[in-house]
Structure formats: C-alpha cells, structure tokens
Amino acid sequence: QVQLVESGGGSVQAGGSQKLLCTASADTAMYSMAWFRQAPGKGREGVAIIDRVGRFIEYADSVKGRFTISRDNTRNALYLQMDSLKPEDTAMYYCAAVFSPTPVMSDSWYDYWGQGTQVTVSS
C-alpha cells in the first residue's frame, strides 16, 4: 500500500553527522515507523522506532544519545539525524512502516520497507 524511499546516505568521517530521509508514496499518519540497519554478514538491527505522532520513541542502546528519529506526516517523511558517528555505524539503513499505532523494535513487525541507503563511517 505504501512505498518507502530512503536517501541521505554516503561516506562520513568518524565523529561527523549525517541525516537520512525516508519519503512515502502515501499518507504516513496511520503508520508506526522505524529505522533498521544491516551490516555485511549480519541481520537487521533495530535503530529507532516512532509512533504515529512522534510522541513515543525508543532507541537501540548502541545509538542512544547520538541519533534522533523524527517525522513530519504533512510531508509523509521520516528522518534520522545521526551525530557522533562511529565506524561501527557503517551499514545499510532501512526505513520501515506498519499500519499500527504501536511500534516494536523487531523487523518482523513491519510490512513495508524501503530499498535502503548506505552509510559508511571511516576512522
């Protein structure tokens, strides 16, 4: 029902910042959303989740204090601001959505996925 497209990835030095954008083809106001990431040879790791209106948010311990998830339903947009980046943040980052008021930090919960955008952090 909804297509998701991520953008904003690229190469950055450790300690730097990057902001990812996910745009949806349809209204996002009824979808909980999330960011996941996947490094080579590893499974998808939950990064951050957000409810329909952006009032309930959770982060993975590995990114808490460094990353900020936000959304703008008037623009059908989801954002991930990444600060103080580390080499271990290097991964393909995916946007995900589910028709539910409740987000969960599990990839199996989400029905819709973007194609991913690569983030590479160098030492």
PDB file of N, CA and C in Angstrom:
ATOM      1  N   GLN A   1       0.816  -1.206   0.000  1.00  0.00           N
ATOM      2  CA  GLN A   1       0.000   0.000   0.000  1.00  0.00           C
ATOM      3  C   GLN A   1       0.852   1.260   0.000  1.00  0.00           C
ATOM      4  N   VAL A   2       2.011   1.199   0.628  1.00  0.00           N
ATOM      5  CA  VAL A   2       2.884   2.359   0.698  1.00  0.00           C
ATOM      6  C   VAL A   2       4.299   1.966   0.285  1.00  0.00           C
ATOM      7  N   GLN A   3       4.879   2.770  -0.586  1.00  0.00           N
ATOM      8  CA  GLN A   3       6.271   2.606  -0.968  1.00  0.00           C
ATOM      9  C   GLN A   3       7.123   3.593  -0.191  1.00  0.00           C
ATOM     10  N   LEU A   4       8.298   3.146   0.226  1.00  0.00           N
ATOM     11  CA  LEU A   4       9.210   3.957   1.013  1.00  0.00           C
ATOM     12  C   LEU A   4      10.536   4.077   0.279  1.00  0.00           C
ATOM     13  N   VAL A   5      11.098   5.273   0.285  1.00  0.00           N
ATOM     14  CA  VAL A   5      12.369   5.520  -0.382  1.00  0.00           C
ATOM     15  C   VAL A   5      13.277   6.298   0.555  1.00  0.00           C
ATOM     16  N   GLU A   6      14.459   5.734   0.840  1.00  0.00           N
ATOM     17  CA  GLU A   6      15.432   6.392   1.697  1.00  0.00           C
ATOM     18  C   GLU A   6      16.432   7.177   0.860  1.00  0.00           C
ATOM     19  N   SER A   7      16.959   8.233   1.464  1.00  0.00           N
ATOM     20  CA  SER A   7      18.020   8.998   0.845  1.00  0.00           C
ATOM     21  C   SER A   7      18.844   9.661   1.939  1.00  0.00           C
ATOM     22  N   GLY A   8      19.988  10.198   1.565  1.00  0.00           N
ATOM     23  CA  GLY A   8      20.833  10.913   2.501  1.00  0.00           C
ATOM     24  C   GLY A   8      22.065  10.164   2.950  1.00  0.00           C
ATOM     25  N   GLY A   9      22.212   8.917   2.535  1.00  0.00           N
ATOM     26  CA  GLY A   9      23.388   8.159   2.908  1.00  0.00           C
ATOM     27  C   GLY A   9      24.624   8.630   2.164  1.00  0.00           C
ATOM     28  N   GLY A  10      25.766   8.131   2.602  1.00  0.00           N
ATOM     29  CA  GLY A  10      27.026   8.485   1.992  1.00  0.00           C
ATOM     30  C   GLY A  10      28.167   8.182   2.931  1.00  0.00           C
ATOM     31  N   SER A  11      29.337   8.705   2.603  1.00  0.00           N
ATOM     32  CA  SER A  11      30.538   8.498   3.406  1.00  0.00           C
ATOM     33  C   SER A  11      30.790   9.692   4.306  1.00  0.00           C
ATOM     34  N   VAL A  12      31.193   9.405   5.531  1.00  0.00           N
ATOM     35  CA  VAL A  12      31.457  10.455   6.509  1.00  0.00           C
ATOM     36  C   VAL A  12      32.569   9.988   7.443  1.00  0.00           C
ATOM     37  N   GLN A  13      33.331  10.921   7.969  1.00  0.00           N
ATOM     38  CA  GLN A  13      34.380  10.576   8.923  1.00  0.00           C
ATOM     39  C   GLN A  13      33.807  10.352  10.312  1.00  0.00           C
ATOM     40  N   ALA A  14      34.481   9.523  11.090  1.00  0.00           N
ATOM     41  CA  ALA A  14      34.081   9.308  12.472  1.00  0.00           C
ATOM     42  C   ALA A  14      33.975  10.635  13.203  1.00  0.00           C
ATOM     43  N   GLY A  15      32.918  10.753  14.002  1.00  0.00           N
ATOM     44  CA  GLY A  15      32.661  11.989  14.711  1.00  0.00           C
ATOM     45  C   GLY A  15      31.762  12.948  13.959  1.00  0.00           C
ATOM     46  N   GLY A  16      31.524  12.668  12.701  1.00  0.00           N
ATOM     47  CA  GLY A  16      30.699  13.526  11.882  1.00  0.00           C
ATOM     48  C   GLY A  16      29.221  13.236  12.022  1.00  0.00           C
ATOM     49  N   SER A  17      28.426  13.935  11.227  1.00  0.00           N
ATOM     50  CA  SER A  17      26.975  13.823  11.270  1.00  0.00           C
ATOM     51  C   SER A  17      26.410  13.563   9.891  1.00  0.00           C
ATOM     52  N   GLN A  18      25.242  12.960   9.878  1.00  0.00           N
ATOM     53  CA  GLN A  18      24.529  12.707   8.641  1.00  0.00           C
ATOM     54  C   GLN A  18      23.044  12.610   8.957  1.00  0.00           C
ATOM     55  N   LYS A  19      22.212  13.038   8.019  1.00  0.00           N
ATOM     56  CA  LYS A  19      20.767  12.973   8.209  1.00  0.00           C
ATOM     57  C   LYS A  19      20.136  12.173   7.081  1.00  0.00           C
ATOM     58  N   LEU A  20      19.363  11.171   7.454  1.00  0.00           N
ATOM     59  CA  LEU A  20      18.670  10.335   6.498  1.00  0.00           C
ATOM     60  C   LEU A  20      17.218  10.767   6.380  1.00  0.00           C
ATOM     61  N   LEU A  21      16.677  10.590   5.187  1.00  0.00           N
ATOM     62  CA  LEU A  21      15.292  10.916   4.899  1.00  0.00           C
ATOM     63  C   LEU A  21      14.601   9.708   4.303  1.00  0.00           C
ATOM     64  N   CYS A  22      13.399   9.444   4.742  1.00  0.00           N
ATOM     65  CA  CYS A  22      12.540   8.426   4.157  1.00  0.00           C
ATOM     66  C   CYS A  22      11.255   9.110   3.725  1.00  0.00           C
ATOM     67  N   THR A  23      10.926   8.981   2.446  1.00  0.00           N
ATOM     68  CA  THR A  23       9.682   9.549   1.940  1.00  0.00           C
ATOM     69  C   THR A  23       8.742   8.432   1.519  1.00  0.00           C
ATOM     70  N   ALA A  24       7.456   8.625   1.792  1.00  0.00           N
ATOM     71  CA  ALA A  24       6.441   7.632   1.496  1.00  0.00           C
ATOM     72  C   ALA A  24       5.556   8.088   0.353  1.00  0.00           C
ATOM     73  N   SER A  25       5.045   7.121  -0.393  1.00  0.00           N
ATOM     74  CA  SER A  25       4.182   7.417  -1.532  1.00  0.00           C
ATOM     75  C   SER A  25       2.759   7.735  -1.123  1.00  0.00           C
ATOM     76  N   ALA A  26       2.400   7.425   0.114  1.00  0.00           N
ATOM     77  CA  ALA A  26       1.061   7.655   0.617  1.00  0.00           C
ATOM     78  C   ALA A  26       1.130   8.243   2.018  1.00  0.00           C
ATOM     79  N   ASP A  27      -0.025   8.551   2.574  1.00  0.00           N
ATOM     80  CA  ASP A  27      -0.115   9.153   3.896  1.00  0.00           C
ATOM     81  C   ASP A  27       0.546   8.271   4.957  1.00  0.00           C
ATOM     82  N   THR A  28       1.343   8.884   5.820  1.00  0.00           N
ATOM     83  CA  THR A  28       2.045   8.155   6.877  1.00  0.00           C
ATOM     84  C   THR A  28       1.399   8.293   8.247  1.00  0.00           C
ATOM     85  N   ALA A  29       0.342   9.077   8.362  1.00  0.00           N
ATOM     86  CA  ALA A  29      -0.208   9.433   9.663  1.00  0.00           C
ATOM     87  C   ALA A  29      -0.762   8.249  10.452  1.00  0.00           C
ATOM     88  N   MET A  30      -1.086   7.159   9.782  1.00  0.00           N
ATOM     89  CA  MET A  30      -1.621   5.997  10.471  1.00  0.00           C
ATOM     90  C   MET A  30      -0.606   4.863  10.607  1.00  0.00           C
ATOM     91  N   TYR A  31       0.655   5.162  10.362  1.00  0.00           N
ATOM     92  CA  TYR A  31       1.693   4.148  10.411  1.00  0.00           C
ATOM     93  C   TYR A  31       2.718   4.441  11.491  1.00  0.00           C
ATOM     94  N   SER A  32       3.007   3.443  12.303  1.00  0.00           N
ATOM     95  CA  SER A  32       4.209   3.500  13.112  1.00  0.00           C
ATOM     96  C   SER A  32       5.386   3.214  12.185  1.00  0.00           C
ATOM     97  N   MET A  33       6.528   3.804  12.491  1.00  0.00           N
ATOM     98  CA  MET A  33       7.663   3.677  11.594  1.00  0.00           C
ATOM     99  C   MET A  33       8.938   3.399  12.373  1.00  0.00           C
ATOM    100  N   ALA A  34       9.970   3.054  11.639  1.00  0.00           N
ATOM    101  CA  ALA A  34      11.215   2.655  12.279  1.00  0.00           C
ATOM    102  C   ALA A  34      12.373   2.775  11.316  1.00  0.00           C
ATOM    103  N   TRP A  35      13.567   2.842  11.879  1.00  0.00           N
ATOM    104  CA  TRP A  35      14.810   2.703  11.139  1.00  0.00           C
ATOM    105  C   TRP A  35      15.506   1.437  11.598  1.00  0.00           C
ATOM    106  N   PHE A  36      15.941   0.644  10.637  1.00  0.00           N
ATOM    107  CA  PHE A  36      16.762  -0.530  10.882  1.00  0.00           C
ATOM    108  C   PHE A  36      18.053  -0.382  10.098  1.00  0.00           C
ATOM    109  N   ARG A  37      19.037  -1.167  10.460  1.00  0.00           N
ATOM    110  CA  ARG A  37      20.285  -1.176   9.697  1.00  0.00           C
ATOM    111  C   ARG A  37      20.829  -2.591   9.612  1.00  0.00           C
ATOM    112  N   GLN A  38      21.636  -2.817   8.590  1.00  0.00           N
ATOM    113  CA  GLN A  38      22.210  -4.130   8.377  1.00  0.00           C
ATOM    114  C   GLN A  38      23.627  -3.991   7.852  1.00  0.00           C
ATOM    115  N   ALA A  39      24.568  -4.521   8.607  1.00  0.00           N
ATOM    116  CA  ALA A  39      25.961  -4.563   8.185  1.00  0.00           C
ATOM    117  C   ALA A  39      26.205  -5.880   7.447  1.00  0.00           C
ATOM    118  N   PRO A  40      27.240  -5.942   6.595  1.00  0.00           N
ATOM    119  CA  PRO A  40      27.517  -7.174   5.856  1.00  0.00           C
ATOM    120  C   PRO A  40      27.672  -8.377   6.777  1.00  0.00           C
ATOM    121  N   GLY A  41      26.986  -9.474   6.443  1.00  0.00           N
ATOM    122  CA  GLY A  41      27.080 -10.692   7.213  1.00  0.00           C
ATOM    123  C   GLY A  41      26.257 -10.710   8.482  1.00  0.00           C
ATOM    124  N   LYS A  42      25.505  -9.657   8.734  1.00  0.00           N
ATOM    125  CA  LYS A  42      24.701  -9.583   9.940  1.00  0.00           C
ATOM    126  C   LYS A  42      23.224  -9.404   9.607  1.00  0.00           C
ATOM    127  N   GLY A  43      22.380  -9.695  10.574  1.00  0.00           N
ATOM    128  CA  GLY A  43      20.959  -9.494  10.413  1.00  0.00           C
ATOM    129  C   GLY A  43      20.567  -8.041  10.603  1.00  0.00           C
ATOM    130  N   ARG A  44      19.320  -7.758  10.345  1.00  0.00           N
ATOM    131  CA  ARG A  44      18.820  -6.405  10.538  1.00  0.00           C
ATOM    132  C   ARG A  44      18.749  -6.060  12.018  1.00  0.00           C
ATOM    133  N   GLU A  45      19.238  -4.890  12.349  1.00  0.00           N
ATOM    134  CA  GLU A  45      19.283  -4.400  13.719  1.00  0.00           C
ATOM    135  C   GLU A  45      18.375  -3.194  13.850  1.00  0.00           C
ATOM    136  N   GLY A  46      17.498  -3.220  14.839  1.00  0.00           N
ATOM    137  CA  GLY A  46      16.654  -2.063  15.085  1.00  0.00           C
ATOM    138  C   GLY A  46      17.480  -0.886  15.568  1.00  0.00           C
ATOM    139  N   VAL A  47      17.210   0.281  15.028  1.00  0.00           N
ATOM    140  CA  VAL A  47      17.915   1.506  15.392  1.00  0.00           C
ATOM    141  C   VAL A  47      17.033   2.418  16.223  1.00  0.00           C
ATOM    142  N   ALA A  48      15.838   2.693  15.724  1.00  0.00           N
ATOM    143  CA  ALA A  48      14.914   3.584  16.404  1.00  0.00           C
ATOM    144  C   ALA A  48      13.502   3.326  15.915  1.00  0.00           C
ATOM    145  N   ILE A  49      12.535   3.523  16.795  1.00  0.00           N
ATOM    146  CA  ILE A  49      11.129   3.355  16.441  1.00  0.00           C
ATOM    147  C   ILE A  49      10.350   4.588  16.888  1.00  0.00           C
ATOM    148  N   ILE A  50       9.220   4.828  16.215  1.00  0.00           N
ATOM    149  CA  ILE A  50       8.433   6.022  16.485  1.00  0.00           C
ATOM    150  C   ILE A  50       6.965   5.754  16.197  1.00  0.00           C
ATOM    151  N   ASP A  51       6.087   6.232  17.083  1.00  0.00           N
ATOM    152  CA  ASP A  51       4.668   6.017  16.873  1.00  0.00           C
ATOM    153  C   ASP A  51       4.111   7.000  15.850  1.00  0.00           C
ATOM    154  N   ARG A  52       2.794   6.947  15.641  1.00  0.00           N
ATOM    155  CA  ARG A  52       2.154   7.708  14.577  1.00  0.00           C
ATOM    156  C   ARG A  52       2.390   9.204  14.641  1.00  0.00           C
ATOM    157  N   VAL A  53       2.453   9.730  15.859  1.00  0.00           N
ATOM    158  CA  VAL A  53       2.540  11.180  16.032  1.00  0.00           C
ATOM    159  C   VAL A  53       3.890  11.636  16.569  1.00  0.00           C
ATOM    160  N   GLY A  54       4.808  10.706  16.754  1.00  0.00           N
ATOM    161  CA  GLY A  54       6.140  11.070  17.199  1.00  0.00           C
ATOM    162  C   GLY A  54       6.269  11.335  18.683  1.00  0.00           C
ATOM    163  N   ARG A  55       5.318  10.859  19.473  1.00  0.00           N
ATOM    164  CA  ARG A  55       5.380  11.093  20.917  1.00  0.00           C
ATOM    165  C   ARG A  55       5.942   9.922  21.697  1.00  0.00           C
ATOM    166  N   PHE A  56       5.936   8.734  21.112  1.00  0.00           N
ATOM    167  CA  PHE A  56       6.595   7.585  21.706  1.00  0.00           C
ATOM    168  C   PHE A  56       7.769   7.201  20.823  1.00  0.00           C
ATOM    169  N   ILE A  57       8.952   7.215  21.393  1.00  0.00           N
ATOM    170  CA  ILE A  57      10.186   6.949  20.656  1.00  0.00           C
ATOM    171  C   ILE A  57      11.088   6.065  21.498  1.00  0.00           C
ATOM    172  N   GLU A  58      11.725   5.109  20.868  1.00  0.00           N
ATOM    173  CA  GLU A  58      12.726   4.287  21.528  1.00  0.00           C
ATOM    174  C   GLU A  58      13.937   4.137  20.622  1.00  0.00           C
ATOM    175  N   TYR A  59      15.106   4.006  21.243  1.00  0.00           N
ATOM    176  CA  TYR A  59      16.350   3.831  20.515  1.00  0.00           C
ATOM    177  C   TYR A  59      17.082   2.588  20.981  1.00  0.00           C
ATOM    178  N   ALA A  60      17.836   2.005  20.077  1.00  0.00           N
ATOM    179  CA  ALA A  60      18.765   0.966  20.471  1.00  0.00           C
ATOM    180  C   ALA A  60      19.823   1.563  21.392  1.00  0.00           C
ATOM    181  N   ASP A  61      20.283   0.771  22.345  1.00  0.00           N
ATOM    182  CA  ASP A  61      21.302   1.257  23.272  1.00  0.00           C
ATOM    183  C   ASP A  61      22.553   1.746  22.544  1.00  0.00           C
ATOM    184  N   SER A  62      22.861   1.126  21.426  1.00  0.00           N
ATOM    185  CA  SER A  62      24.072   1.454  20.697  1.00  0.00           C
ATOM    186  C   SER A  62      24.053   2.848  20.071  1.00  0.00           C
ATOM    187  N   VAL A  63      22.868   3.428  19.905  1.00  0.00           N
ATOM    188  CA  VAL A  63      22.771   4.739  19.262  1.00  0.00           C
ATOM    189  C   VAL A  63      22.158   5.801  20.163  1.00  0.00           C
ATOM    190  N   LYS A  64      21.671   5.407  21.319  1.00  0.00           N
ATOM    191  CA  LYS A  64      21.006   6.349  22.210  1.00  0.00           C
ATOM    192  C   LYS A  64      21.948   7.487  22.604  1.00  0.00           C
ATOM    193  N   GLY A  65      21.446   8.698  22.502  1.00  0.00           N
ATOM    194  CA  GLY A  65      22.247   9.871  22.789  1.00  0.00           C
ATOM    195  C   GLY A  65      22.967  10.427  21.588  1.00  0.00           C
ATOM    196  N   ARG A  66      23.005   9.668  20.497  1.00  0.00           N
ATOM    197  CA  ARG A  66      23.690  10.103  19.281  1.00  0.00           C
ATOM    198  C   ARG A  66      22.737  10.285  18.103  1.00  0.00           C
ATOM    199  N   PHE A  67      21.697   9.466  18.032  1.00  0.00           N
ATOM    200  CA  PHE A  67      20.751   9.504  16.919  1.00  0.00           C
ATOM    201  C   PHE A  67      19.418  10.078  17.375  1.00  0.00           C
ATOM    202  N   THR A  68      18.714  10.721  16.456  1.00  0.00           N
ATOM    203  CA  THR A  68      17.395  11.266  16.729  1.00  0.00           C
ATOM    204  C   THR A  68      16.444  10.918  15.598  1.00  0.00           C
ATOM    205  N   ILE A  69      15.354  10.241  15.931  1.00  0.00           N
ATOM    206  CA  ILE A  69      14.330   9.928  14.943  1.00  0.00           C
ATOM    207  C   ILE A  69      13.205  10.958  15.054  1.00  0.00           C
ATOM    208  N   SER A  70      12.653  11.356  13.927  1.00  0.00           N
ATOM    209  CA  SER A  70      11.545  12.300  13.916  1.00  0.00           C
ATOM    210  C   SER A  70      10.711  12.071  12.664  1.00  0.00           C
ATOM    211  N   ARG A  71       9.538  12.688  12.626  1.00  0.00           N
ATOM    212  CA  ARG A  71       8.672  12.520  11.466  1.00  0.00           C
ATOM    213  C   ARG A  71       7.870  13.778  11.212  1.00  0.00           C
ATOM    214  N   ASP A  72       7.421  13.927   9.981  1.00  0.00           N
ATOM    215  CA  ASP A  72       6.545  15.014   9.582  1.00  0.00           C
ATOM    216  C   ASP A  72       5.489  14.414   8.673  1.00  0.00           C
ATOM    217  N   ASN A  73       4.329  14.135   9.244  1.00  0.00           N
ATOM    218  CA  ASN A  73       3.284  13.479   8.470  1.00  0.00           C
ATOM    219  C   ASN A  73       2.691  14.371   7.386  1.00  0.00           C
ATOM    220  N   THR A  74       2.827  15.681   7.524  1.00  0.00           N
ATOM    221  CA  THR A  74       2.349  16.571   6.467  1.00  0.00           C
ATOM    222  C   THR A  74       3.189  16.439   5.209  1.00  0.00           C
ATOM    223  N   ARG A  75       4.398  15.939   5.358  1.00  0.00           N
ATOM    224  CA  ARG A  75       5.288  15.715   4.223  1.00  0.00           C
ATOM    225  C   ARG A  75       5.510  14.232   3.940  1.00  0.00           C
ATOM    226  N   ASN A  76       4.808  13.370   4.664  1.00  0.00           N
ATOM    227  CA  ASN A  76       4.977  11.921   4.537  1.00  0.00           C
ATOM    228  C   ASN A  76       6.453  11.550   4.657  1.00  0.00           C
ATOM    229  N   ALA A  77       7.082  12.097   5.689  1.00  0.00           N
ATOM    230  CA  ALA A  77       8.528  11.967   5.821  1.00  0.00           C
ATOM    231  C   ALA A  77       8.933  11.444   7.195  1.00  0.00           C
ATOM    232  N   LEU A  78       9.976  10.648   7.196  1.00  0.00           N
ATOM    233  CA  LEU A  78      10.626  10.141   8.397  1.00  0.00           C
ATOM    234  C   LEU A  78      12.101  10.509   8.310  1.00  0.00           C
ATOM    235  N   TYR A  79      12.678  10.913   9.433  1.00  0.00           N
ATOM    236  CA  TYR A  79      14.060  11.368   9.454  1.00  0.00           C
ATOM    237  C   TYR A  79      14.875  10.593  10.483  1.00  0.00           C
ATOM    238  N   LEU A  80      16.165  10.523  10.239  1.00  0.00           N
ATOM    239  CA  LEU A  80      17.104  10.011  11.228  1.00  0.00           C
ATOM    240  C   LEU A  80      18.327  10.911  11.223  1.00  0.00           C
ATOM    241  N   GLN A  81      18.456  11.711  12.266  1.00  0.00           N
ATOM    242  CA  GLN A  81      19.634  12.547  12.446  1.00  0.00           C
ATOM    243  C   GLN A  81      20.679  11.743  13.197  1.00  0.00           C
ATOM    244  N   MET A  82      21.855  11.594  12.613  1.00  0.00           N
ATOM    245  CA  MET A  82      22.922  10.796  13.192  1.00  0.00           C
ATOM    246  C   MET A  82      24.103  11.699  13.506  1.00  0.00           C
ATOM    247  N   ASP A  83      24.462  11.765  14.768  1.00  0.00           N
ATOM    248  CA  ASP A  83      25.583  12.579  15.223  1.00  0.00           C
ATOM    249  C   ASP A  83      26.629  11.689  15.873  1.00  0.00           C
ATOM    250  N   SER A  84      27.835  12.220  16.009  1.00  0.00           N
ATOM    251  CA  SER A  84      28.940  11.489  16.638  1.00  0.00           C
ATOM    252  C   SER A  84      29.084  10.090  16.056  1.00  0.00           C
ATOM    253  N   LEU A  85      29.092  10.015  14.748  1.00  0.00           N
ATOM    254  CA  LEU A  85      29.121   8.723  14.071  1.00  0.00           C
ATOM    255  C   LEU A  85      30.407   7.961  14.348  1.00  0.00           C
ATOM    256  N   LYS A  86      30.263   6.646  14.424  1.00  0.00           N
ATOM    257  CA  LYS A  86      31.364   5.735  14.685  1.00  0.00           C
ATOM    258  C   LYS A  86      31.493   4.751  13.529  1.00  0.00           C
ATOM    259  N   PRO A  87      32.682   4.182  13.315  1.00  0.00           N
ATOM    260  CA  PRO A  87      32.821   3.183  12.252  1.00  0.00           C
ATOM    261  C   PRO A  87      31.832   2.034  12.364  1.00  0.00           C
ATOM    262  N   GLU A  88      31.470   1.645  13.575  1.00  0.00           N
ATOM    263  CA  GLU A  88      30.523   0.559  13.759  1.00  0.00           C
ATOM    264  C   GLU A  88      29.095   0.914  13.351  1.00  0.00           C
ATOM    265  N   ASP A  89      28.848   2.179  13.026  1.00  0.00           N
ATOM    266  CA  ASP A  89      27.557   2.579  12.483  1.00  0.00           C
ATOM    267  C   ASP A  89      27.447   2.284  10.990  1.00  0.00           C
ATOM    268  N   THR A  90      28.536   1.887  10.372  1.00  0.00           N
ATOM    269  CA  THR A  90      28.534   1.577   8.947  1.00  0.00           C
ATOM    270  C   THR A  90      27.558   0.448   8.651  1.00  0.00           C
ATOM    271  N   ALA A  91      26.613   0.704   7.764  1.00  0.00           N
ATOM    272  CA  ALA A  91      25.575  -0.277   7.448  1.00  0.00           C
ATOM    273  C   ALA A  91      24.676   0.274   6.360  1.00  0.00           C
ATOM    274  N   MET A  92      23.837  -0.613   5.831  1.00  0.00           N
ATOM    275  CA  MET A  92      22.729  -0.181   5.002  1.00  0.00           C
ATOM    276  C   MET A  92      21.578   0.164   5.941  1.00  0.00           C
ATOM    277  N   TYR A  93      21.034   1.344   5.792  1.00  0.00           N
ATOM    278  CA  TYR A  93      19.953   1.800   6.653  1.00  0.00           C
ATOM    279  C   TYR A  93      18.626   1.725   5.920  1.00  0.00           C
ATOM    280  N   TYR A  94      17.631   1.134   6.585  1.00  0.00           N
ATOM    281  CA  TYR A  94      16.318   0.914   6.003  1.00  0.00           C
ATOM    282  C   TYR A  94      15.225   1.609   6.797  1.00  0.00           C
ATOM    283  N   CYS A  95      14.290   2.170   6.086  1.00  0.00           N
ATOM    284  CA  CYS A  95      13.069   2.723   6.649  1.00  0.00           C
ATOM    285  C   CYS A  95      11.982   1.656   6.598  1.00  0.00           C
ATOM    286  N   ALA A  96      11.156   1.573   7.640  1.00  0.00           N
ATOM    287  CA  ALA A  96      10.092   0.584   7.683  1.00  0.00           C
ATOM    288  C   ALA A  96       8.815   1.192   8.260  1.00  0.00           C
ATOM    289  N   ALA A  97       7.675   0.619   7.890  1.00  0.00           N
ATOM    290  CA  ALA A  97       6.383   1.118   8.353  1.00  0.00           C
ATOM    291  C   ALA A  97       5.415  -0.026   8.577  1.00  0.00           C
ATOM    292  N   VAL A  98       4.461   0.193   9.490  1.00  0.00           N
ATOM    293  CA  VAL A  98       3.410  -0.778   9.764  1.00  0.00           C
ATOM    294  C   VAL A  98       2.126  -0.039  10.106  1.00  0.00           C
ATOM    295  N   PHE A  99       0.993  -0.576   9.648  1.00  0.00           N
ATOM    296  CA  PHE A  99      -0.306   0.038   9.920  1.00  0.00           C
ATOM    297  C   PHE A  99      -0.734  -0.326  11.335  1.00  0.00           C
ATOM    298  N   SER A 100      -0.201   0.400  12.293  1.00  0.00           N
ATOM    299  CA  SER A 100      -0.435   0.139  13.709  1.00  0.00           C
ATOM    300  C   SER A 100      -0.071   1.383  14.503  1.00  0.00           C
ATOM    301  N   PRO A 101      -0.776   1.639  15.615  1.00  0.00           N
ATOM    302  CA  PRO A 101      -0.371   2.744  16.475  1.00  0.00           C
ATOM    303  C   PRO A 101       0.856   2.436  17.313  1.00  0.00           C
ATOM    304  N   THR A 102       1.280   1.176  17.322  1.00  0.00           N
ATOM    305  CA  THR A 102       2.342   0.742  18.212  1.00  0.00           C
ATOM    306  C   THR A 102       3.574   0.297  17.429  1.00  0.00           C
ATOM    307  N   PRO A 103       4.708   0.950  17.634  1.00  0.00           N
ATOM    308  CA  PRO A 103       5.942   0.463  17.020  1.00  0.00           C
ATOM    309  C   PRO A 103       6.633  -0.555  17.918  1.00  0.00           C
ATOM    310  N   VAL A 104       7.358  -1.472  17.312  1.00  0.00           N
ATOM    311  CA  VAL A 104       8.082  -2.510  18.030  1.00  0.00           C
ATOM    312  C   VAL A 104       9.485  -2.598  17.456  1.00  0.00           C
ATOM    313  N   MET A 105      10.473  -2.861  18.311  1.00  0.00           N
ATOM    314  CA  MET A 105      11.857  -2.948  17.864  1.00  0.00           C
ATOM    315  C   MET A 105      12.160  -4.359  17.353  1.00  0.00           C
ATOM    316  N   SER A 106      11.468  -4.730  16.304  1.00  0.00           N
ATOM    317  CA  SER A 106      11.624  -6.040  15.687  1.00  0.00           C
ATOM    318  C   SER A 106      11.281  -5.928  14.218  1.00  0.00           C
ATOM    319  N   ASP A 107      12.150  -6.430  13.356  1.00  0.00           N
ATOM    320  CA  ASP A 107      11.916  -6.266  11.926  1.00  0.00           C
ATOM    321  C   ASP A 107      10.674  -7.006  11.436  1.00  0.00           C
ATOM    322  N   SER A 108      10.290  -8.092  12.115  1.00  0.00           N
ATOM    323  CA  SER A 108       9.135  -8.864  11.689  1.00  0.00           C
ATOM    324  C   SER A 108       7.815  -8.132  11.870  1.00  0.00           C
ATOM    325  N   TRP A 109       7.818  -7.060  12.617  1.00  0.00           N
ATOM    326  CA  TRP A 109       6.610  -6.291  12.885  1.00  0.00           C
ATOM    327  C   TRP A 109       6.202  -5.422  11.692  1.00  0.00           C
ATOM    328  N   TYR A 110       7.125  -5.111  10.824  1.00  0.00           N
ATOM    329  CA  TYR A 110       6.898  -4.128   9.776  1.00  0.00           C
ATOM    330  C   TYR A 110       6.585  -4.765   8.434  1.00  0.00           C
ATOM    331  N   ASP A 111       5.613  -4.194   7.764  1.00  0.00           N
ATOM    332  CA  ASP A 111       5.131  -4.736   6.495  1.00  0.00           C
ATOM    333  C   ASP A 111       5.743  -4.058   5.274  1.00  0.00           C
ATOM    334  N   TYR A 112       6.162  -2.826   5.429  1.00  0.00           N
ATOM    335  CA  TYR A 112       6.649  -2.044   4.302  1.00  0.00           C
ATOM    336  C   TYR A 112       8.075  -1.602   4.550  1.00  0.00           C
ATOM    337  N   TRP A 113       8.906  -1.714   3.519  1.00  0.00           N
ATOM    338  CA  TRP A 113      10.328  -1.426   3.623  1.00  0.00           C
ATOM    339  C   TRP A 113      10.821  -0.633   2.437  1.00  0.00           C
ATOM    340  N   GLY A 114      11.760   0.247   2.702  1.00  0.00           N
ATOM    341  CA  GLY A 114      12.457   0.924   1.632  1.00  0.00           C
ATOM    342  C   GLY A 114      13.587   0.076   1.097  1.00  0.00           C
ATOM    343  N   GLN A 115      14.266   0.597   0.085  1.00  0.00           N
ATOM    344  CA  GLN A 115      15.345  -0.145  -0.567  1.00  0.00           C
ATOM    345  C   GLN A 115      16.674  -0.017   0.161  1.00  0.00           C
ATOM    346  N   GLY A 116      16.770   0.919   1.075  1.00  0.00           N
ATOM    347  CA  GLY A 116      17.978   1.120   1.848  1.00  0.00           C
ATOM    348  C   GLY A 116      18.869   2.215   1.295  1.00  0.00           C
ATOM    349  N   THR A 117      19.643   2.824   2.183  1.00  0.00           N
ATOM    350  CA  THR A 117      20.656   3.794   1.794  1.00  0.00           C
ATOM    351  C   THR A 117      21.917   3.507   2.603  1.00  0.00           C
ATOM    352  N   GLN A 118      23.057   3.485   1.932  1.00  0.00           N
ATOM    353  CA  GLN A 118      24.309   3.082   2.558  1.00  0.00           C
ATOM    354  C   GLN A 118      24.941   4.231   3.330  1.00  0.00           C
ATOM    355  N   VAL A 119      25.352   3.942   4.556  1.00  0.00           N
ATOM    356  CA  VAL A 119      26.110   4.881   5.369  1.00  0.00           C
ATOM    357  C   VAL A 119      27.450   4.240   5.689  1.00  0.00           C
ATOM    358  N   THR A 120      28.526   4.918   5.345  1.00  0.00           N
ATOM    359  CA  THR A 120      29.869   4.419   5.596  1.00  0.00           C
ATOM    360  C   THR A 120      30.631   5.431   6.437  1.00  0.00           C
ATOM    361  N   VAL A 121      31.109   4.988   7.592  1.00  0.00           N
ATOM    362  CA  VAL A 121      31.823   5.855   8.519  1.00  0.00           C
ATOM    363  C   VAL A 121      33.270   5.394   8.591  1.00  0.00           C
ATOM    364  N   SER A 122      34.192   6.265   8.251  1.00  0.00           N
ATOM    365  CA  SER A 122      35.609   5.929   8.237  1.00  0.00           C
ATOM    366  C   SER A 122      36.305   6.468   9.476  1.00  0.00           C
ATOM    367  N   SER A 123      37.384   5.780   9.872  1.00  0.00           N
ATOM    368  CA  SER A 123      38.159   6.188  11.044  1.00  0.00           C
ATOM    369  C   SER A 123      39.006   7.408  10.738  1.00  0.00           C
TER     370      SER A 123
END
